[in-house]
Structure formats: C-alpha cells, structure tokens
Amino acid sequence: MYLGPRRGIADSARLHAEPHHPYTRSLLQAIPLPDPRLKRIGDYALLEGDLRVPPPPSGCRFHTRCVHRMPRCSAEEPQLREVAAGHLASCFLYQ
C-alpha cells in the first residue's frame, strides 16, 4: 500500500506473473535477485520523485511517482476494478 488504500488485489502467482499497477511493478523490481548473474524478466520501471509523507496528494496517491501518470491521475482517485480474471487494480491505465 502506498499512502493508504490497496492498489491491486490478486493471488500471489498472478500478481507476480502479471503485475498491473505501476506501484506493484516497482515493488517487484525492488526484490533482490538471489544470484547477481540472473537477469530480471519484465520491463518494470524504477520509481521517480521523492517519497511522500502524509497528507496524500489529490487524485491517485501514487501519481507523483508514476512513470505512466496522465492529467486525470492528479484530479481523480481511481477505483479498484477487475482488469483480468481474479485481478483487481486501481489505475486509469486499465479503465
């Protein structure tokens, strides 16, 4: 969770295989690999900006650090929606 509500919900296998929310992708990217010779799979982006402290920004609470932000993100809070079978995400990329 980033500054409050959940950004995505799915079983762990699905969440790791197909992370939909940019915050979830960033969290998975931050997991250290057990062997430095291994390469990461996926096109995850590292976070931008500074870590926020409350109060949260308007709109999507993650928009100040998201590489996919769009004008709508700073004005509206996205709701959790099913973006794939059994996988919910609160991101305008999927609405």
PDB file of N, CA and C in Angstrom:
ATOM      1  N   MET A   1       0.846  -1.175   0.000  1.00  0.00           N
ATOM      2  CA  MET A   1       0.000   0.000   0.000  1.00  0.00           C
ATOM      3  C   MET A   1       0.894   1.242   0.000  1.00  0.00           C
ATOM      4  N   TYR A   2       0.492   2.203  -0.771  1.00  0.00           N
ATOM      5  CA  TYR A   2       1.236   3.453  -0.845  1.00  0.00           C
ATOM      6  C   TYR A   2       0.311   4.571  -0.397  1.00  0.00           C
ATOM      7  N   LEU A   3       0.587   5.151   0.745  1.00  0.00           N
ATOM      8  CA  LEU A   3      -0.218   6.232   1.311  1.00  0.00           C
ATOM      9  C   LEU A   3      -1.690   5.851   1.460  1.00  0.00           C
ATOM     10  N   GLY A   4      -1.975   4.638   1.794  1.00  0.00           N
ATOM     11  CA  GLY A   4      -3.363   4.297   2.069  1.00  0.00           C
ATOM     12  C   GLY A   4      -3.879   3.062   1.383  1.00  0.00           C
ATOM     13  N   PRO A   5      -4.917   3.226   0.569  1.00  0.00           N
ATOM     14  CA  PRO A   5      -5.643   2.065   0.043  1.00  0.00           C
ATOM     15  C   PRO A   5      -4.798   1.160  -0.858  1.00  0.00           C
ATOM     16  N   ARG A   6      -5.263  -0.069  -0.964  1.00  0.00           N
ATOM     17  CA  ARG A   6      -4.587  -1.042  -1.816  1.00  0.00           C
ATOM     18  C   ARG A   6      -4.652  -0.616  -3.281  1.00  0.00           C
ATOM     19  N   ARG A   7      -3.606  -0.920  -4.012  1.00  0.00           N
ATOM     20  CA  ARG A   7      -3.523  -0.575  -5.434  1.00  0.00           C
ATOM     21  C   ARG A   7      -3.858  -1.760  -6.317  1.00  0.00           C
ATOM     22  N   GLY A   8      -3.778  -2.965  -5.766  1.00  0.00           N
ATOM     23  CA  GLY A   8      -4.094  -4.154  -6.544  1.00  0.00           C
ATOM     24  C   GLY A   8      -4.370  -5.339  -5.638  1.00  0.00           C
ATOM     25  N   ILE A   9      -5.171  -6.266  -6.147  1.00  0.00           N
ATOM     26  CA  ILE A   9      -5.501  -7.479  -5.409  1.00  0.00           C
ATOM     27  C   ILE A   9      -5.497  -8.642  -6.391  1.00  0.00           C
ATOM     28  N   ALA A  10      -4.755  -9.688  -6.053  1.00  0.00           N
ATOM     29  CA  ALA A  10      -4.705 -10.914  -6.859  1.00  0.00           C
ATOM     30  C   ALA A  10      -3.999 -11.976  -6.034  1.00  0.00           C
ATOM     31  N   ASP A  11      -4.134 -13.236  -6.448  1.00  0.00           N
ATOM     32  CA  ASP A  11      -3.364 -14.256  -5.748  1.00  0.00           C
ATOM     33  C   ASP A  11      -1.889 -14.042  -6.087  1.00  0.00           C
ATOM     34  N   SER A  12      -1.009 -14.553  -5.243  1.00  0.00           N
ATOM     35  CA  SER A  12       0.411 -14.227  -5.377  1.00  0.00           C
ATOM     36  C   SER A  12       1.009 -14.653  -6.721  1.00  0.00           C
ATOM     37  N   ALA A  13       0.634 -15.806  -7.227  1.00  0.00           N
ATOM     38  CA  ALA A  13       1.194 -16.253  -8.517  1.00  0.00           C
ATOM     39  C   ALA A  13       0.797 -15.303  -9.636  1.00  0.00           C
ATOM     40  N   ARG A  14      -0.459 -14.897  -9.660  1.00  0.00           N
ATOM     41  CA  ARG A  14      -0.939 -13.995 -10.707  1.00  0.00           C
ATOM     42  C   ARG A  14      -0.308 -12.609 -10.555  1.00  0.00           C
ATOM     43  N   LEU A  15      -0.194 -12.155  -9.306  1.00  0.00           N
ATOM     44  CA  LEU A  15       0.376 -10.839  -9.054  1.00  0.00           C
ATOM     45  C   LEU A  15       1.831 -10.770  -9.530  1.00  0.00           C
ATOM     46  N   HIS A  16       2.602 -11.830  -9.288  1.00  0.00           N
ATOM     47  CA  HIS A  16       3.994 -11.854  -9.737  1.00  0.00           C
ATOM     48  C   HIS A  16       4.111 -12.034 -11.248  1.00  0.00           C
ATOM     49  N   ALA A  17       3.214 -12.811 -11.833  1.00  0.00           N
ATOM     50  CA  ALA A  17       3.275 -13.068 -13.281  1.00  0.00           C
ATOM     51  C   ALA A  17       2.829 -11.860 -14.091  1.00  0.00           C
ATOM     52  N   GLU A  18       1.802 -11.156 -13.629  1.00  0.00           N
ATOM     53  CA  GLU A  18       1.251 -10.015 -14.358  1.00  0.00           C
ATOM     54  C   GLU A  18       0.918  -8.874 -13.409  1.00  0.00           C
ATOM     55  N   PRO A  19       1.910  -8.151 -12.923  1.00  0.00           N
ATOM     56  CA  PRO A  19       1.617  -7.010 -12.051  1.00  0.00           C
ATOM     57  C   PRO A  19       1.024  -5.866 -12.877  1.00  0.00           C
ATOM     58  N   HIS A  20      -0.176  -5.459 -12.560  1.00  0.00           N
ATOM     59  CA  HIS A  20      -0.835  -4.431 -13.366  1.00  0.00           C
ATOM     60  C   HIS A  20      -0.549  -3.009 -12.878  1.00  0.00           C
ATOM     61  N   HIS A  21      -0.618  -2.774 -11.595  1.00  0.00           N
ATOM     62  CA  HIS A  21      -0.419  -1.410 -11.113  1.00  0.00           C
ATOM     63  C   HIS A  21       1.065  -1.048 -11.141  1.00  0.00           C
ATOM     64  N   PRO A  22       1.411   0.168 -11.578  1.00  0.00           N
ATOM     65  CA  PRO A  22       2.821   0.579 -11.620  1.00  0.00           C
ATOM     66  C   PRO A  22       3.524   0.463 -10.265  1.00  0.00           C
ATOM     67  N   TYR A  23       2.808   0.688  -9.173  1.00  0.00           N
ATOM     68  CA  TYR A  23       3.416   0.549  -7.845  1.00  0.00           C
ATOM     69  C   TYR A  23       3.783  -0.909  -7.577  1.00  0.00           C
ATOM     70  N   THR A  24       2.900  -1.823  -7.946  1.00  0.00           N
ATOM     71  CA  THR A  24       3.188  -3.251  -7.771  1.00  0.00           C
ATOM     72  C   THR A  24       4.407  -3.642  -8.590  1.00  0.00           C
ATOM     73  N   ARG A  25       4.489  -3.146  -9.811  1.00  0.00           N
ATOM     74  CA  ARG A  25       5.665  -3.422 -10.652  1.00  0.00           C
ATOM     75  C   ARG A  25       6.941  -2.931  -9.980  1.00  0.00           C
ATOM     76  N   SER A  26       6.885  -1.741  -9.402  1.00  0.00           N
ATOM     77  CA  SER A  26       8.059  -1.179  -8.733  1.00  0.00           C
ATOM     78  C   SER A  26       8.447  -1.995  -7.508  1.00  0.00           C
ATOM     79  N   LEU A  27       7.463  -2.447  -6.751  1.00  0.00           N
ATOM     80  CA  LEU A  27       7.770  -3.286  -5.587  1.00  0.00           C
ATOM     81  C   LEU A  27       8.463  -4.574  -6.010  1.00  0.00           C
ATOM     82  N   LEU A  28       7.969  -5.212  -7.059  1.00  0.00           N
ATOM     83  CA  LEU A  28       8.579  -6.444  -7.531  1.00  0.00           C
ATOM     84  C   LEU A  28       9.983  -6.198  -8.061  1.00  0.00           C
ATOM     85  N   GLN A  29      10.204  -5.065  -8.680  1.00  0.00           N
ATOM     86  CA  GLN A  29      11.529  -4.714  -9.193  1.00  0.00           C
ATOM     87  C   GLN A  29      12.522  -4.547  -8.048  1.00  0.00           C
ATOM     88  N   ALA A  30      12.038  -4.151  -6.891  1.00  0.00           N
ATOM     89  CA  ALA A  30      12.914  -3.891  -5.749  1.00  0.00           C
ATOM     90  C   ALA A  30      13.364  -5.164  -5.029  1.00  0.00           C
ATOM     91  N   ILE A  31      12.768  -6.302  -5.343  1.00  0.00           N
ATOM     92  CA  ILE A  31      13.161  -7.557  -4.700  1.00  0.00           C
ATOM     93  C   ILE A  31      14.545  -7.945  -5.204  1.00  0.00           C
ATOM     94  N   PRO A  32      15.491  -8.135  -4.296  1.00  0.00           N
ATOM     95  CA  PRO A  32      16.838  -8.520  -4.749  1.00  0.00           C
ATOM     96  C   PRO A  32      16.829  -9.908  -5.395  1.00  0.00           C
ATOM     97  N   LEU A  33      17.616 -10.055  -6.438  1.00  0.00           N
ATOM     98  CA  LEU A  33      17.764 -11.364  -7.069  1.00  0.00           C
ATOM     99  C   LEU A  33      18.753 -12.191  -6.252  1.00  0.00           C
ATOM    100  N   PRO A  34      18.485 -13.485  -6.071  1.00  0.00           N
ATOM    101  CA  PRO A  34      19.361 -14.309  -5.236  1.00  0.00           C
ATOM    102  C   PRO A  34      20.737 -14.562  -5.855  1.00  0.00           C
ATOM    103  N   ASP A  35      20.845 -14.382  -7.150  1.00  0.00           N
ATOM    104  CA  ASP A  35      22.109 -14.616  -7.852  1.00  0.00           C
ATOM    105  C   ASP A  35      22.364 -13.422  -8.762  1.00  0.00           C
ATOM    106  N   PRO A  36      23.444 -12.673  -8.561  1.00  0.00           N
ATOM    107  CA  PRO A  36      23.686 -11.468  -9.370  1.00  0.00           C
ATOM    108  C   PRO A  36      23.871 -11.748 -10.861  1.00  0.00           C
ATOM    109  N   ARG A  37      24.091 -13.016 -11.234  1.00  0.00           N
ATOM    110  CA  ARG A  37      24.227 -13.343 -12.654  1.00  0.00           C
ATOM    111  C   ARG A  37      22.865 -13.483 -13.337  1.00  0.00           C
ATOM    112  N   LEU A  38      21.803 -13.556 -12.541  1.00  0.00           N
ATOM    113  CA  LEU A  38      20.458 -13.662 -13.107  1.00  0.00           C
ATOM    114  C   LEU A  38      20.020 -12.322 -13.673  1.00  0.00           C
ATOM    115  N   LYS A  39      19.188 -12.373 -14.688  1.00  0.00           N
ATOM    116  CA  LYS A  39      18.645 -11.146 -15.264  1.00  0.00           C
ATOM    117  C   LYS A  39      17.170 -11.054 -14.922  1.00  0.00           C
ATOM    118  N   ARG A  40      16.721  -9.833 -14.733  1.00  0.00           N
ATOM    119  CA  ARG A  40      15.321  -9.585 -14.436  1.00  0.00           C
ATOM    120  C   ARG A  40      14.467  -9.798 -15.662  1.00  0.00           C
ATOM    121  N   ILE A  41      13.293 -10.375 -15.455  1.00  0.00           N
ATOM    122  CA  ILE A  41      12.328 -10.558 -16.539  1.00  0.00           C
ATOM    123  C   ILE A  41      11.278  -9.471 -16.392  1.00  0.00           C
ATOM    124  N   GLY A  42      10.935  -8.810 -17.479  1.00  0.00           N
ATOM    125  CA  GLY A  42       9.914  -7.768 -17.425  1.00  0.00           C
ATOM    126  C   GLY A  42      10.497  -6.409 -17.710  1.00  0.00           C
ATOM    127  N   ASP A  43       9.619  -5.457 -17.872  1.00  0.00           N
ATOM    128  CA  ASP A  43      10.037  -4.098 -18.198  1.00  0.00           C
ATOM    129  C   ASP A  43       9.614  -3.139 -17.096  1.00  0.00           C
ATOM    130  N   TYR A  44       9.917  -3.497 -15.870  1.00  0.00           N
ATOM    131  CA  TYR A  44       9.497  -2.677 -14.745  1.00  0.00           C
ATOM    132  C   TYR A  44      10.293  -1.386 -14.709  1.00  0.00           C
ATOM    133  N   ALA A  45       9.634  -0.334 -14.285  1.00  0.00           N
ATOM    134  CA  ALA A  45      10.292   0.964 -14.198  1.00  0.00           C
ATOM    135  C   ALA A  45      10.563   1.301 -12.732  1.00  0.00           C
ATOM    136  N   LEU A  46      11.711   1.886 -12.487  1.00  0.00           N
ATOM    137  CA  LEU A  46      12.010   2.341 -11.144  1.00  0.00           C
ATOM    138  C   LEU A  46      11.186   3.584 -10.844  1.00  0.00           C
ATOM    139  N   LEU A  47      10.979   3.833  -9.570  1.00  0.00           N
ATOM    140  CA  LEU A  47      10.161   4.978  -9.166  1.00  0.00           C
ATOM    141  C   LEU A  47      10.875   6.293  -9.415  1.00  0.00           C
ATOM    142  N   GLU A  48      10.082   7.303  -9.702  1.00  0.00           N
ATOM    143  CA  GLU A  48      10.579   8.659  -9.847  1.00  0.00           C
ATOM    144  C   GLU A  48      10.203   9.446  -8.603  1.00  0.00           C
ATOM    145  N   GLY A  49      10.721  10.643  -8.476  1.00  0.00           N
ATOM    146  CA  GLY A  49      10.279  11.569  -7.437  1.00  0.00           C
ATOM    147  C   GLY A  49      10.705  11.166  -6.039  1.00  0.00           C
ATOM    148  N   ASP A  50      10.232  11.971  -5.090  1.00  0.00           N
ATOM    149  CA  ASP A  50      10.560  11.771  -3.685  1.00  0.00           C
ATOM    150  C   ASP A  50       9.452  11.020  -2.974  1.00  0.00           C
ATOM    151  N   LEU A  51       9.831  10.324  -1.933  1.00  0.00           N
ATOM    152  CA  LEU A  51       8.860   9.622  -1.106  1.00  0.00           C
ATOM    153  C   LEU A  51       7.976  10.645  -0.414  1.00  0.00           C
ATOM    154  N   ARG A  52       6.674  10.447  -0.528  1.00  0.00           N
ATOM    155  CA  ARG A  52       5.720  11.379   0.073  1.00  0.00           C
ATOM    156  C   ARG A  52       5.472  11.011   1.525  1.00  0.00           C
ATOM    157  N   VAL A  53       5.154  12.018   2.294  1.00  0.00           N
ATOM    158  CA  VAL A  53       4.646  11.804   3.644  1.00  0.00           C
ATOM    159  C   VAL A  53       3.260  12.415   3.667  1.00  0.00           C
ATOM    160  N   PRO A  54       2.374  11.901   4.517  1.00  0.00           N
ATOM    161  CA  PRO A  54       1.015  12.459   4.546  1.00  0.00           C
ATOM    162  C   PRO A  54       1.064  13.962   4.752  1.00  0.00           C
ATOM    163  N   PRO A  55       0.120  14.731   4.249  1.00  0.00           N
ATOM    164  CA  PRO A  55      -1.103  14.267   3.609  1.00  0.00           C
ATOM    165  C   PRO A  55      -0.851  13.812   2.167  1.00  0.00           C
ATOM    166  N   PRO A  56      -1.663  12.869   1.707  1.00  0.00           N
ATOM    167  CA  PRO A  56      -1.500  12.386   0.334  1.00  0.00           C
ATOM    168  C   PRO A  56      -1.903  13.443  -0.684  1.00  0.00           C
ATOM    169  N   PRO A  57      -1.383  13.351  -1.906  1.00  0.00           N
ATOM    170  CA  PRO A  57      -1.768  14.294  -2.953  1.00  0.00           C
ATOM    171  C   PRO A  57      -3.202  14.035  -3.407  1.00  0.00           C
ATOM    172  N   SER A  58      -3.763  14.958  -4.133  1.00  0.00           N
ATOM    173  CA  SER A  58      -5.103  14.748  -4.683  1.00  0.00           C
ATOM    174  C   SER A  58      -5.031  13.703  -5.789  1.00  0.00           C
ATOM    175  N   GLY A  59      -6.172  13.141  -6.140  1.00  0.00           N
ATOM    176  CA  GLY A  59      -6.223  12.143  -7.200  1.00  0.00           C
ATOM    177  C   GLY A  59      -5.610  10.836  -6.764  1.00  0.00           C
ATOM    178  N   CYS A  60      -4.967  10.150  -7.696  1.00  0.00           N
ATOM    179  CA  CYS A  60      -4.285   8.898  -7.371  1.00  0.00           C
ATOM    180  C   CYS A  60      -3.108   9.228  -6.461  1.00  0.00           C
ATOM    181  N   ARG A  61      -3.024   8.550  -5.356  1.00  0.00           N
ATOM    182  CA  ARG A  61      -1.974   8.853  -4.382  1.00  0.00           C
ATOM    183  C   ARG A  61      -0.588   8.514  -4.893  1.00  0.00           C
ATOM    184  N   PHE A  62      -0.494   7.728  -5.933  1.00  0.00           N
ATOM    185  CA  PHE A  62       0.790   7.314  -6.469  1.00  0.00           C
ATOM    186  C   PHE A  62       1.238   8.172  -7.656  1.00  0.00           C
ATOM    187  N   HIS A  63       0.387   9.072  -8.138  1.00  0.00           N
ATOM    188  CA  HIS A  63       0.684   9.766  -9.398  1.00  0.00           C
ATOM    189  C   HIS A  63       1.953  10.615  -9.380  1.00  0.00           C
ATOM    190  N   THR A  64       2.379  11.087  -8.228  1.00  0.00           N
ATOM    191  CA  THR A  64       3.582  11.920  -8.184  1.00  0.00           C
ATOM    192  C   THR A  64       4.856  11.124  -8.435  1.00  0.00           C
ATOM    193  N   ARG A  65       4.779   9.786  -8.369  1.00  0.00           N
ATOM    194  CA  ARG A  65       5.962   8.935  -8.575  1.00  0.00           C
ATOM    195  C   ARG A  65       5.807   8.000  -9.767  1.00  0.00           C
ATOM    196  N   CYS A  66       4.683   8.058 -10.453  1.00  0.00           N
ATOM    197  CA  CYS A  66       4.364   7.101 -11.511  1.00  0.00           C
ATOM    198  C   CYS A  66       4.878   7.561 -12.882  1.00  0.00           C
ATOM    199  N   VAL A  67       5.530   6.655 -13.587  1.00  0.00           N
ATOM    200  CA  VAL A  67       6.031   6.986 -14.923  1.00  0.00           C
ATOM    201  C   VAL A  67       4.912   7.004 -15.965  1.00  0.00           C
ATOM    202  N   HIS A  68       3.738   6.481 -15.622  1.00  0.00           N
ATOM    203  CA  HIS A  68       2.607   6.429 -16.551  1.00  0.00           C
ATOM    204  C   HIS A  68       1.542   7.482 -16.239  1.00  0.00           C
ATOM    205  N   ARG A  69       1.842   8.426 -15.380  1.00  0.00           N
ATOM    206  CA  ARG A  69       0.820   9.397 -14.966  1.00  0.00           C
ATOM    207  C   ARG A  69       0.285  10.183 -16.154  1.00  0.00           C
ATOM    208  N   MET A  70      -0.971  10.538 -16.034  1.00  0.00           N
ATOM    209  CA  MET A  70      -1.645  11.349 -17.043  1.00  0.00           C
ATOM    210  C   MET A  70      -2.433  12.417 -16.296  1.00  0.00           C
ATOM    211  N   PRO A  71      -2.912  13.459 -16.950  1.00  0.00           N
ATOM    212  CA  PRO A  71      -3.604  14.535 -16.247  1.00  0.00           C
ATOM    213  C   PRO A  71      -4.737  14.054 -15.340  1.00  0.00           C
ATOM    214  N   ARG A  72      -5.449  13.059 -15.767  1.00  0.00           N
ATOM    215  CA  ARG A  72      -6.569  12.529 -14.985  1.00  0.00           C
ATOM    216  C   ARG A  72      -6.113  12.026 -13.608  1.00  0.00           C
ATOM    217  N   CYS A  73      -4.904  11.529 -13.524  1.00  0.00           N
ATOM    218  CA  CYS A  73      -4.403  10.925 -12.285  1.00  0.00           C
ATOM    219  C   CYS A  73      -4.302  11.935 -11.138  1.00  0.00           C
ATOM    220  N   SER A  74      -4.006  13.194 -11.443  1.00  0.00           N
ATOM    221  CA  SER A  74      -3.889  14.187 -10.377  1.00  0.00           C
ATOM    222  C   SER A  74      -5.238  14.754  -9.958  1.00  0.00           C
ATOM    223  N   ALA A  75      -6.282  14.483 -10.733  1.00  0.00           N
ATOM    224  CA  ALA A  75      -7.603  15.033 -10.436  1.00  0.00           C
ATOM    225  C   ALA A  75      -8.578  14.016  -9.843  1.00  0.00           C
ATOM    226  N   GLU A  76      -8.426  12.744 -10.181  1.00  0.00           N
ATOM    227  CA  GLU A  76      -9.384  11.721  -9.762  1.00  0.00           C
ATOM    228  C   GLU A  76      -8.682  10.565  -9.072  1.00  0.00           C
ATOM    229  N   GLU A  77      -9.362   9.955  -8.117  1.00  0.00           N
ATOM    230  CA  GLU A  77      -8.855   8.756  -7.447  1.00  0.00           C
ATOM    231  C   GLU A  77      -9.389   7.535  -8.192  1.00  0.00           C
ATOM    232  N   PRO A  78      -8.544   6.709  -8.793  1.00  0.00           N
ATOM    233  CA  PRO A  78      -9.041   5.519  -9.492  1.00  0.00           C
ATOM    234  C   PRO A  78      -9.583   4.493  -8.501  1.00  0.00           C
ATOM    235  N   GLN A  79     -10.627   3.805  -8.887  1.00  0.00           N
ATOM    236  CA  GLN A  79     -11.242   2.785  -8.045  1.00  0.00           C
ATOM    237  C   GLN A  79     -10.706   1.409  -8.425  1.00  0.00           C
ATOM    238  N   LEU A  80     -10.752   0.486  -7.466  1.00  0.00           N
ATOM    239  CA  LEU A  80     -10.359  -0.893  -7.765  1.00  0.00           C
ATOM    240  C   LEU A  80     -11.342  -1.472  -8.770  1.00  0.00           C
ATOM    241  N   ARG A  81     -10.818  -2.020  -9.862  1.00  0.00           N
ATOM    242  CA  ARG A  81     -11.634  -2.659 -10.895  1.00  0.00           C
ATOM    243  C   ARG A  81     -10.952  -3.941 -11.327  1.00  0.00           C
ATOM    244  N   GLU A  82     -11.733  -4.866 -11.795  1.00  0.00           N
ATOM    245  CA  GLU A  82     -11.168  -6.107 -12.300  1.00  0.00           C
ATOM    246  C   GLU A  82     -10.531  -5.838 -13.661  1.00  0.00           C
ATOM    247  N   VAL A  83      -9.230  -6.060 -13.756  1.00  0.00           N
ATOM    248  CA  VAL A  83      -8.503  -5.822 -15.001  1.00  0.00           C
ATOM    249  C   VAL A  83      -8.169  -7.128 -15.714  1.00  0.00           C
ATOM    250  N   ALA A  84      -8.289  -8.232 -15.012  1.00  0.00           N
ATOM    251  CA  ALA A  84      -8.136  -9.583 -15.548  1.00  0.00           C
ATOM    252  C   ALA A  84      -8.886 -10.495 -14.586  1.00  0.00           C
ATOM    253  N   ALA A  85      -9.162 -11.690 -15.001  1.00  0.00           N
ATOM    254  CA  ALA A  85      -9.914 -12.615 -14.149  1.00  0.00           C
ATOM    255  C   ALA A  85      -9.224 -12.770 -12.799  1.00  0.00           C
ATOM    256  N   GLY A  86      -9.910 -12.372 -11.735  1.00  0.00           N
ATOM    257  CA  GLY A  86      -9.366 -12.502 -10.391  1.00  0.00           C
ATOM    258  C   GLY A  86      -8.280 -11.519 -10.035  1.00  0.00           C
ATOM    259  N   HIS A  87      -8.119 -10.463 -10.821  1.00  0.00           N
ATOM    260  CA  HIS A  87      -7.057  -9.484 -10.578  1.00  0.00           C
ATOM    261  C   HIS A  87      -7.661  -8.078 -10.624  1.00  0.00           C
ATOM    262  N   LEU A  88      -7.573  -7.383  -9.510  1.00  0.00           N
ATOM    263  CA  LEU A  88      -8.095  -6.022  -9.408  1.00  0.00           C
ATOM    264  C   LEU A  88      -6.936  -5.028  -9.352  1.00  0.00           C
ATOM    265  N   ALA A  89      -7.139  -3.857  -9.926  1.00  0.00           N
ATOM    266  CA  ALA A  89      -6.132  -2.796  -9.860  1.00  0.00           C
ATOM    267  C   ALA A  89      -6.842  -1.449  -9.855  1.00  0.00           C
ATOM    268  N   SER A  90      -6.253  -0.499  -9.156  1.00  0.00           N
ATOM    269  CA  SER A  90      -6.804   0.863  -9.154  1.00  0.00           C
ATOM    270  C   SER A  90      -5.857   1.754  -9.947  1.00  0.00           C
ATOM    271  N   CYS A  91      -6.031   1.734 -11.264  1.00  0.00           N
ATOM    272  CA  CYS A  91      -5.161   2.502 -12.140  1.00  0.00           C
ATOM    273  C   CYS A  91      -5.948   2.867 -13.410  1.00  0.00           C
ATOM    274  N   PHE A  92      -5.800   4.116 -13.841  1.00  0.00           N
ATOM    275  CA  PHE A  92      -6.514   4.558 -15.044  1.00  0.00           C
ATOM    276  C   PHE A  92      -5.949   3.933 -16.322  1.00  0.00           C
ATOM    277  N   LEU A  93      -4.795   3.298 -16.250  1.00  0.00           N
ATOM    278  CA  LEU A  93      -4.274   2.586 -17.414  1.00  0.00           C
ATOM    279  C   LEU A  93      -5.225   1.472 -17.854  1.00  0.00           C
ATOM    280  N   TYR A  94      -6.040   0.982 -16.935  1.00  0.00           N
ATOM    281  CA  TYR A  94      -6.914  -0.157 -17.217  1.00  0.00           C
ATOM    282  C   TYR A  94      -8.392   0.190 -17.142  1.00  0.00           C
ATOM    283  N   GLN A  95      -8.728   1.470 -17.135  1.00  0.00           N
ATOM    284  CA  GLN A  95     -10.145   1.850 -17.045  1.00  0.00           C
ATOM    285  C   GLN A  95     -10.594   2.567 -18.297  1.00  0.00           C
TER     286      GLN A  95
END
